[in-house]
């Protein structure tokens, strides 16, 4: 009995892990090259610190390496790089190279909880803009969605979430993004809302069925 329970539990864990990996891969497909580069720099930042995980401060530092990105134009991250590092508690290290041995070793690093939350909020910010592609400004806005070291550092430069959203909108008017693949957007929205609405709809249907059955079984007794 215990063996069967453990086997079922193991199967559930495997299914959950596979679903998480599929969702992770699906989201990563939406990253533009600049976002991938920023995350690669963040991994190298963590590696240079001999850290066990990538933090929100590493993501902010990674966003500050590229000069011509939406996050840079929205938040002047390059110009404030030293100040942001000091505020977020990141050491002043030599600029890493997002590639080669650094990237190979850094790929073994995991994201800490704040970094995962920032990436999740970046997805929501892209959805808010009705954009399929997740750009660097979405990642910056993701960092500003909840309290963390990067959030604190950016606020000290007198830049908040609302201002970055406004700057993002203006930047997209001046530098239009690549054409959004409509089929992928539809597929993403269907999957997202299907997972969101199907469980409560099924619960409601079961409740109504039970209610109707109980009312139907009570009618003959009343007739007698």
Protein backbone atom coordinates (compact mmCIF):
# COMPACT_ATOMS: atom_id res chain seq x y z
CA UNK A 1 0.00 0.00 0.00
CA UNK A 2 2.80 2.37 0.96
CA UNK A 3 4.70 1.45 -2.21
CA UNK A 4 1.65 2.27 -4.38
CA UNK A 5 1.22 5.59 -2.58
CA UNK A 6 4.87 6.47 -3.08
CA UNK A 7 4.67 5.47 -6.76
CA UNK A 8 1.60 7.65 -7.33
CA UNK A 9 3.25 10.53 -5.51
CA UNK A 10 6.35 10.10 -7.67
CA UNK A 11 4.23 10.14 -10.85
CA UNK A 12 2.51 13.34 -9.71
CA UNK A 13 5.87 14.98 -9.00
CA UNK A 14 7.18 14.00 -12.44
CA UNK A 15 4.05 15.37 -14.14
CA UNK A 16 4.31 18.61 -12.17
CA UNK A 17 7.99 18.96 -13.03
CA UNK A 18 7.27 18.32 -16.73
CA UNK A 19 4.48 20.93 -16.72
CA UNK A 20 6.80 23.47 -15.08
CA UNK A 21 9.51 22.78 -17.63
CA UNK A 22 7.06 23.10 -20.54
CA UNK A 23 5.77 26.43 -19.17
CA UNK A 24 9.35 27.61 -18.62
CA UNK A 25 10.35 26.74 -22.16
CA UNK A 26 7.21 28.33 -23.59
CA UNK A 27 7.87 31.61 -21.74
CA UNK A 28 11.56 31.66 -22.69
CA UNK A 29 10.52 31.48 -26.35
CA UNK A 30 8.98 34.93 -25.88
CA UNK A 31 12.25 36.56 -24.78
CA UNK A 32 13.81 38.91 -27.30
CA UNK A 33 17.57 38.63 -27.82
CA UNK A 34 18.24 41.64 -25.58
CA UNK A 35 16.36 40.00 -22.70
CA UNK A 36 18.28 36.75 -23.16
CA UNK A 37 21.52 38.74 -23.12
CA UNK A 38 20.54 40.58 -19.92
CA UNK A 39 19.75 37.30 -18.17
CA UNK A 40 23.06 35.85 -19.40
CA UNK A 41 24.89 38.85 -17.92
CA UNK A 42 22.96 38.37 -14.67
CA UNK A 43 24.14 34.76 -14.51
CA UNK A 44 27.72 35.88 -15.03
CA UNK A 45 27.32 38.51 -12.33
CA UNK A 46 26.25 35.82 -9.87
CA UNK A 47 29.10 33.58 -10.99
CA UNK A 48 31.69 36.31 -10.41
CA UNK A 49 30.37 36.72 -6.85
CA UNK A 50 30.61 32.94 -6.32
CA UNK A 51 26.91 33.06 -5.47
CA UNK A 52 24.68 30.02 -5.22
CA UNK A 53 21.76 31.69 -7.01
CA UNK A 54 20.92 34.60 -9.28
CA UNK A 55 19.28 37.49 -7.43
CA UNK A 56 17.08 40.42 -8.44
CA UNK A 57 20.15 42.67 -8.05
CA UNK A 58 21.97 40.48 -10.60
CA UNK A 59 19.08 40.92 -13.05
CA UNK A 60 19.27 44.69 -12.60
CA UNK A 61 23.02 44.62 -13.16
CA UNK A 62 22.48 42.48 -16.25
CA UNK A 63 20.04 45.04 -17.64
CA UNK A 64 22.67 47.75 -17.21
CA UNK A 65 25.25 46.24 -19.55
CA UNK A 66 23.59 46.88 -22.91
CA UNK A 67 23.52 50.49 -24.12
CA UNK A 68 20.80 50.32 -26.76
CA UNK A 69 17.91 48.51 -25.11
CA UNK A 70 14.40 49.48 -24.08
CA UNK A 71 15.29 49.16 -20.39
CA UNK A 72 18.28 51.45 -20.88
CA UNK A 73 16.23 54.05 -22.73
CA UNK A 74 13.44 53.84 -20.14
CA UNK A 75 15.59 53.91 -17.01
CA UNK A 76 19.06 55.25 -17.93
CA UNK A 77 20.53 52.15 -16.29
CA UNK A 78 23.92 52.47 -17.97
CA UNK A 79 24.44 56.04 -16.76
CA UNK A 80 23.44 55.10 -13.20
CA UNK A 81 25.20 51.71 -13.20
CA UNK A 82 27.66 52.48 -10.37
CA UNK A 83 24.98 54.10 -8.20
CA UNK A 84 22.51 51.25 -8.79
CA UNK A 85 25.15 48.66 -7.92
CA UNK A 86 25.94 50.44 -4.68
CA UNK A 87 22.27 50.77 -3.72
CA UNK A 88 21.42 47.16 -4.54
CA UNK A 89 24.47 45.81 -2.70
CA UNK A 90 26.19 44.46 -5.82
CA UNK A 91 30.01 44.65 -5.74
CA UNK A 92 31.88 46.70 -8.32
CA UNK A 93 33.23 43.84 -10.42
CA UNK A 94 34.90 43.82 -13.85
CA UNK A 95 32.33 43.73 -16.62
CA UNK A 96 31.51 40.10 -17.41
CA UNK A 97 31.20 38.72 -20.92
CA UNK A 98 27.86 37.06 -21.66
CA UNK A 99 29.23 34.05 -23.44
CA UNK A 100 31.93 31.40 -23.52
CA UNK A 101 32.99 29.69 -20.30
CA UNK A 102 31.14 32.21 -18.15
CA UNK A 103 27.79 31.36 -19.70
CA UNK A 104 28.47 27.63 -19.66
CA UNK A 105 29.26 27.64 -15.94
CA UNK A 106 26.53 30.14 -15.07
CA UNK A 107 23.84 28.02 -16.69
CA UNK A 108 24.13 25.73 -13.68
CA UNK A 109 22.99 28.53 -11.37
CA UNK A 110 19.36 28.71 -10.31
CA UNK A 111 17.22 31.80 -9.77
CA UNK A 112 16.37 32.79 -6.23
CA UNK A 113 12.77 33.54 -5.24
CA UNK A 114 12.93 37.28 -6.00
CA UNK A 115 14.50 36.69 -9.41
CA UNK A 116 11.80 34.15 -10.28
CA UNK A 117 9.10 36.61 -9.19
CA UNK A 118 10.67 39.34 -11.32
CA UNK A 119 10.62 37.12 -14.41
CA UNK A 120 7.01 36.13 -13.69
CA UNK A 121 5.99 39.78 -13.36
CA UNK A 122 7.85 40.53 -16.60
CA UNK A 123 5.47 38.12 -18.33
CA UNK A 124 2.49 39.95 -16.81
CA UNK A 125 3.89 43.30 -17.95
CA UNK A 126 4.24 42.02 -21.51
CA UNK A 127 0.68 40.68 -21.36
CA UNK A 128 -0.43 44.07 -20.04
CA UNK A 129 1.07 45.69 -23.15
CA UNK A 130 -0.54 42.97 -25.31
CA UNK A 131 2.93 42.11 -26.53
CA UNK A 132 4.01 38.58 -27.32
CA UNK A 133 7.71 39.43 -27.01
CA UNK A 134 9.13 39.99 -23.51
CA UNK A 135 11.63 42.85 -23.79
CA UNK A 136 14.12 44.29 -21.32
CA UNK A 137 11.75 47.04 -20.21
CA UNK A 138 9.26 44.35 -19.18
CA UNK A 139 11.97 42.77 -17.04
CA UNK A 140 12.76 46.16 -15.49
CA UNK A 141 9.08 46.68 -14.76
CA UNK A 142 8.94 43.17 -13.30
CA UNK A 143 11.63 44.17 -10.81
CA UNK A 144 9.56 47.21 -9.86
CA UNK A 145 6.39 45.22 -9.16
CA UNK A 146 7.37 44.09 -5.65
CA UNK A 147 9.84 45.01 -2.87
CA UNK A 148 13.39 43.77 -3.48
CA UNK A 149 16.92 45.19 -3.57
CA UNK A 150 16.71 46.12 -7.26
CA UNK A 151 13.34 47.79 -6.69
CA UNK A 152 14.80 49.86 -3.84
CA UNK A 153 17.81 50.89 -5.94
CA UNK A 154 15.74 52.02 -8.95
CA UNK A 155 13.34 54.00 -6.76
CA UNK A 156 16.31 55.93 -5.36
CA UNK A 157 16.96 57.22 -8.90
CA UNK A 158 13.47 58.78 -8.77
CA UNK A 159 12.09 56.26 -11.24
CA UNK A 160 8.94 54.27 -10.46
CA UNK A 161 6.80 51.64 -12.18
CA UNK A 162 4.32 54.13 -13.64
CA UNK A 163 7.09 56.27 -15.18
CA UNK A 164 8.76 53.23 -16.72
CA UNK A 165 5.44 52.11 -18.21
CA UNK A 166 4.96 55.53 -19.76
CA UNK A 167 8.54 55.52 -21.07
CA UNK A 168 8.00 52.02 -22.50
CA UNK A 169 4.93 53.16 -24.38
CA UNK A 170 6.76 56.14 -25.84
CA UNK A 171 9.75 53.98 -26.75
CA UNK A 172 7.54 51.57 -28.67
CA UNK A 173 6.02 54.45 -30.58
CA UNK A 174 9.49 55.64 -31.57
CA UNK A 175 11.01 52.18 -32.02
CA UNK A 176 8.18 49.81 -33.04
CA UNK A 177 8.76 46.19 -31.99
CA UNK A 178 8.92 43.29 -34.38
CA UNK A 179 5.59 42.07 -35.68
CA UNK A 180 3.82 40.06 -33.01
CA UNK A 181 3.03 36.50 -34.19
CA UNK A 182 -0.77 36.54 -33.88
CA UNK A 183 -1.11 32.72 -33.93
CA UNK A 184 1.24 32.34 -30.97
CA UNK A 185 -0.57 35.10 -29.08
CA UNK A 186 -3.92 33.37 -29.59
CA UNK A 187 -2.45 30.04 -28.52
CA UNK A 188 -0.92 31.61 -25.42
CA UNK A 189 -4.12 33.41 -24.40
CA UNK A 190 -6.24 30.30 -24.95
CA UNK A 191 -3.91 28.19 -22.81
CA UNK A 192 -3.72 30.86 -20.13
CA UNK A 193 -7.48 31.45 -19.81
CA UNK A 194 -8.28 27.75 -20.22
CA UNK A 195 -6.13 26.94 -17.20
CA UNK A 196 -7.63 29.89 -15.31
CA UNK A 197 -11.34 29.36 -15.94
CA UNK A 198 -11.87 25.63 -16.49
CA UNK A 199 -11.40 24.51 -12.83
CA UNK A 200 -13.97 26.95 -11.35
CA UNK A 201 -16.41 26.28 -14.21
CA UNK A 202 -16.19 22.52 -13.60
CA UNK A 203 -16.64 23.07 -9.86
CA UNK A 204 -19.72 25.20 -10.52
CA UNK A 205 -21.16 22.59 -12.91
CA UNK A 206 -20.65 19.83 -10.31
CA UNK A 207 -22.29 21.95 -7.64
CA UNK A 208 -25.31 22.69 -9.86
CA UNK A 209 -25.62 19.01 -10.78
CA UNK A 210 -25.62 17.95 -7.12
CA UNK A 211 -28.08 20.72 -6.28
CA UNK A 212 -30.48 19.68 -9.07
CA UNK A 213 -30.21 16.01 -8.08
CA UNK A 214 -30.97 16.81 -4.45
CA UNK A 215 -33.95 18.95 -5.45
CA UNK A 216 -35.23 16.22 -7.77
CA UNK A 217 -34.98 13.54 -5.08
CA UNK A 218 -36.89 15.75 -2.66
CA UNK A 219 -39.88 16.37 -4.97
CA UNK A 220 -41.41 12.83 -4.70
CA UNK A 221 -41.34 13.04 -0.91
CA UNK A 222 -43.18 16.36 -1.03
CA UNK A 223 -45.76 14.91 -3.43
CA UNK A 224 -46.53 12.10 -1.00
